[in-house]
Amino acid sequence: MAASKVRYQCDGFDLIAAANITHAAQLFAVRIARQKYGPQGRCTRLKLCEGLCSTRAVFEAFVGVPKGVAISGQTCRFVVNVLHGELKP
């Protein structure tokens, strides 16, 4: 019998399956960086900001592009929602 997997949602992106909500936030932060800055977009910091509960959490990430040894970019906040149920292939 297949185990039930957890899916995660963030506005503007497709659903993903991840090991946990923090892993999902890391994946979404990279997607945000690439959406804003193109293929060179990176996420260098990720922080839980509000309410890690069974249904959602708010994260803050610093996203940008490499400029020499630093990253030039901005801080953004986003919500990761937890969707329980089977993940269809």
C-alpha atoms as a PDB file:
ATOM      1  CA  MET A   1       0.000   0.000   0.000  1.00  0.00           C
ATOM      2  CA  ALA A   2       1.409   3.400  -0.984  1.00  0.00           C
ATOM      3  CA  ALA A   3       2.054   5.844   1.826  1.00  0.00           C
ATOM      4  CA  SER A   4       0.186   9.128   1.827  1.00  0.00           C
ATOM      5  CA  LYS A   5       2.469  12.038   0.900  1.00  0.00           C
ATOM      6  CA  VAL A   6       2.160  15.650   1.907  1.00  0.00           C
ATOM      7  CA  ARG A   7       1.870  18.326  -0.743  1.00  0.00           C
ATOM      8  CA  TYR A   8       2.714  21.989  -0.288  1.00  0.00           C
ATOM      9  CA  GLN A   9       1.369  25.083  -2.033  1.00  0.00           C
ATOM     10  CA  CYS A  10       2.685  28.628  -2.412  1.00  0.00           C
ATOM     11  CA  ASP A  11       0.800  31.287  -4.383  1.00  0.00           C
ATOM     12  CA  GLY A  12       2.025  31.556  -7.952  1.00  0.00           C
ATOM     13  CA  PHE A  13       3.649  28.113  -8.108  1.00  0.00           C
ATOM     14  CA  ASP A  14       2.653  24.519  -8.798  1.00  0.00           C
ATOM     15  CA  LEU A  15       2.103  22.109  -5.910  1.00  0.00           C
ATOM     16  CA  ILE A  16       5.158  20.199  -4.734  1.00  0.00           C
ATOM     17  CA  ALA A  17       5.894  17.210  -2.523  1.00  0.00           C
ATOM     18  CA  ALA A  18       8.662  17.712   0.028  1.00  0.00           C
ATOM     19  CA  ALA A  19      10.159  16.063   3.107  1.00  0.00           C
ATOM     20  CA  ASN A  20       8.684  18.732   5.403  1.00  0.00           C
ATOM     21  CA  ILE A  21       7.428  22.315   5.363  1.00  0.00           C
ATOM     22  CA  THR A  22      10.923  23.798   5.715  1.00  0.00           C
ATOM     23  CA  HIS A  23      12.154  21.780   2.743  1.00  0.00           C
ATOM     24  CA  ALA A  24       9.134  23.000   0.762  1.00  0.00           C
ATOM     25  CA  ALA A  25       9.931  26.601   1.762  1.00  0.00           C
ATOM     26  CA  GLN A  26      13.514  26.179   0.512  1.00  0.00           C
ATOM     27  CA  LEU A  27      12.242  24.915  -2.842  1.00  0.00           C
ATOM     28  CA  PHE A  28       9.724  27.754  -3.156  1.00  0.00           C
ATOM     29  CA  ALA A  29      12.371  30.348  -2.182  1.00  0.00           C
ATOM     30  CA  VAL A  30      14.588  29.181  -5.048  1.00  0.00           C
ATOM     31  CA  ARG A  31      11.598  29.376  -7.401  1.00  0.00           C
ATOM     32  CA  ILE A  32      10.874  32.928  -6.215  1.00  0.00           C
ATOM     33  CA  ALA A  33      14.522  33.878  -6.780  1.00  0.00           C
ATOM     34  CA  ARG A  34      14.509  32.440 -10.290  1.00  0.00           C
ATOM     35  CA  GLN A  35      11.185  34.101 -11.087  1.00  0.00           C
ATOM     36  CA  LYS A  36      12.559  37.511 -10.013  1.00  0.00           C
ATOM     37  CA  TYR A  37      16.176  37.192 -11.201  1.00  0.00           C
ATOM     38  CA  GLY A  38      16.241  34.494 -13.879  1.00  0.00           C
ATOM     39  CA  PRO A  39      18.339  31.312 -13.896  1.00  0.00           C
ATOM     40  CA  GLN A  40      21.074  32.889 -11.749  1.00  0.00           C
ATOM     41  CA  GLY A  41      18.585  33.610  -8.928  1.00  0.00           C
ATOM     42  CA  ARG A  42      19.584  32.255  -5.514  1.00  0.00           C
ATOM     43  CA  CYS A  43      18.209  32.073  -1.980  1.00  0.00           C
ATOM     44  CA  THR A  44      20.835  32.661   0.704  1.00  0.00           C
ATOM     45  CA  ARG A  45      18.756  32.921   3.886  1.00  0.00           C
ATOM     46  CA  LEU A  46      15.486  31.360   4.952  1.00  0.00           C
ATOM     47  CA  LYS A  47      13.718  32.132   8.212  1.00  0.00           C
ATOM     48  CA  LEU A  48      10.444  30.956   9.749  1.00  0.00           C
ATOM     49  CA  CYS A  49       8.480  34.097  10.636  1.00  0.00           C
ATOM     50  CA  GLU A  50       5.009  33.127  11.748  1.00  0.00           C
ATOM     51  CA  GLY A  51       2.910  30.240  12.918  1.00  0.00           C
ATOM     52  CA  LEU A  52       4.294  26.865  12.129  1.00  0.00           C
ATOM     53  CA  CYS A  53       1.036  24.978  12.463  1.00  0.00           C
ATOM     54  CA  SER A  54      -0.549  21.981  10.807  1.00  0.00           C
ATOM     55  CA  THR A  55      -1.866  23.991   7.840  1.00  0.00           C
ATOM     56  CA  ARG A  56       0.519  26.869   7.047  1.00  0.00           C
ATOM     57  CA  ALA A  57       3.663  28.820   7.870  1.00  0.00           C
ATOM     58  CA  VAL A  58       5.092  32.178   6.828  1.00  0.00           C
ATOM     59  CA  PHE A  59       8.735  32.297   5.755  1.00  0.00           C
ATOM     60  CA  GLU A  60      11.133  35.089   4.881  1.00  0.00           C
ATOM     61  CA  ALA A  61      13.927  34.581   2.361  1.00  0.00           C
ATOM     62  CA  PHE A  62      16.727  36.718   0.974  1.00  0.00           C
ATOM     63  CA  VAL A  63      16.775  36.184  -2.776  1.00  0.00           C
ATOM     64  CA  GLY A  64      19.037  37.673  -5.394  1.00  0.00           C
ATOM     65  CA  VAL A  65      21.897  37.136  -7.811  1.00  0.00           C
ATOM     66  CA  PRO A  66      25.629  36.728  -7.203  1.00  0.00           C
ATOM     67  CA  LYS A  67      27.657  39.948  -7.458  1.00  0.00           C
ATOM     68  CA  GLY A  68      31.267  39.012  -6.831  1.00  0.00           C
ATOM     69  CA  VAL A  69      31.445  37.380  -3.392  1.00  0.00           C
ATOM     70  CA  ALA A  70      28.094  38.849  -2.260  1.00  0.00           C
ATOM     71  CA  ILE A  71      24.477  38.451  -3.278  1.00  0.00           C
ATOM     72  CA  SER A  72      22.562  41.492  -4.519  1.00  0.00           C
ATOM     73  CA  GLY A  73      18.827  41.152  -3.930  1.00  0.00           C
ATOM     74  CA  GLN A  74      15.898  41.607  -1.606  1.00  0.00           C
ATOM     75  CA  THR A  75      14.000  40.033   1.252  1.00  0.00           C
ATOM     76  CA  CYS A  76      10.595  38.523   0.493  1.00  0.00           C
ATOM     77  CA  ARG A  77       7.897  36.889   2.610  1.00  0.00           C
ATOM     78  CA  PHE A  78       5.718  34.042   1.445  1.00  0.00           C
ATOM     79  CA  VAL A  79       3.206  31.562   2.836  1.00  0.00           C
ATOM     80  CA  VAL A  80       3.557  27.804   2.465  1.00  0.00           C
ATOM     81  CA  ASN A  81       0.279  25.904   2.835  1.00  0.00           C
ATOM     82  CA  VAL A  82       0.113  22.227   3.768  1.00  0.00           C
ATOM     83  CA  LEU A  83      -2.258  20.039   1.726  1.00  0.00           C
ATOM     84  CA  HIS A  84      -2.785  16.565   3.130  1.00  0.00           C
ATOM     85  CA  GLY A  85      -3.728  13.620   0.952  1.00  0.00           C
ATOM     86  CA  GLU A  86      -2.284  11.386  -1.718  1.00  0.00           C
ATOM     87  CA  LEU A  87       0.020  12.870  -4.306  1.00  0.00           C
ATOM     88  CA  LYS A  88      -1.001  11.609  -7.737  1.00  0.00           C
ATOM     89  CA  PRO A  89       1.873  10.790 -10.111  1.00  0.00           C
END
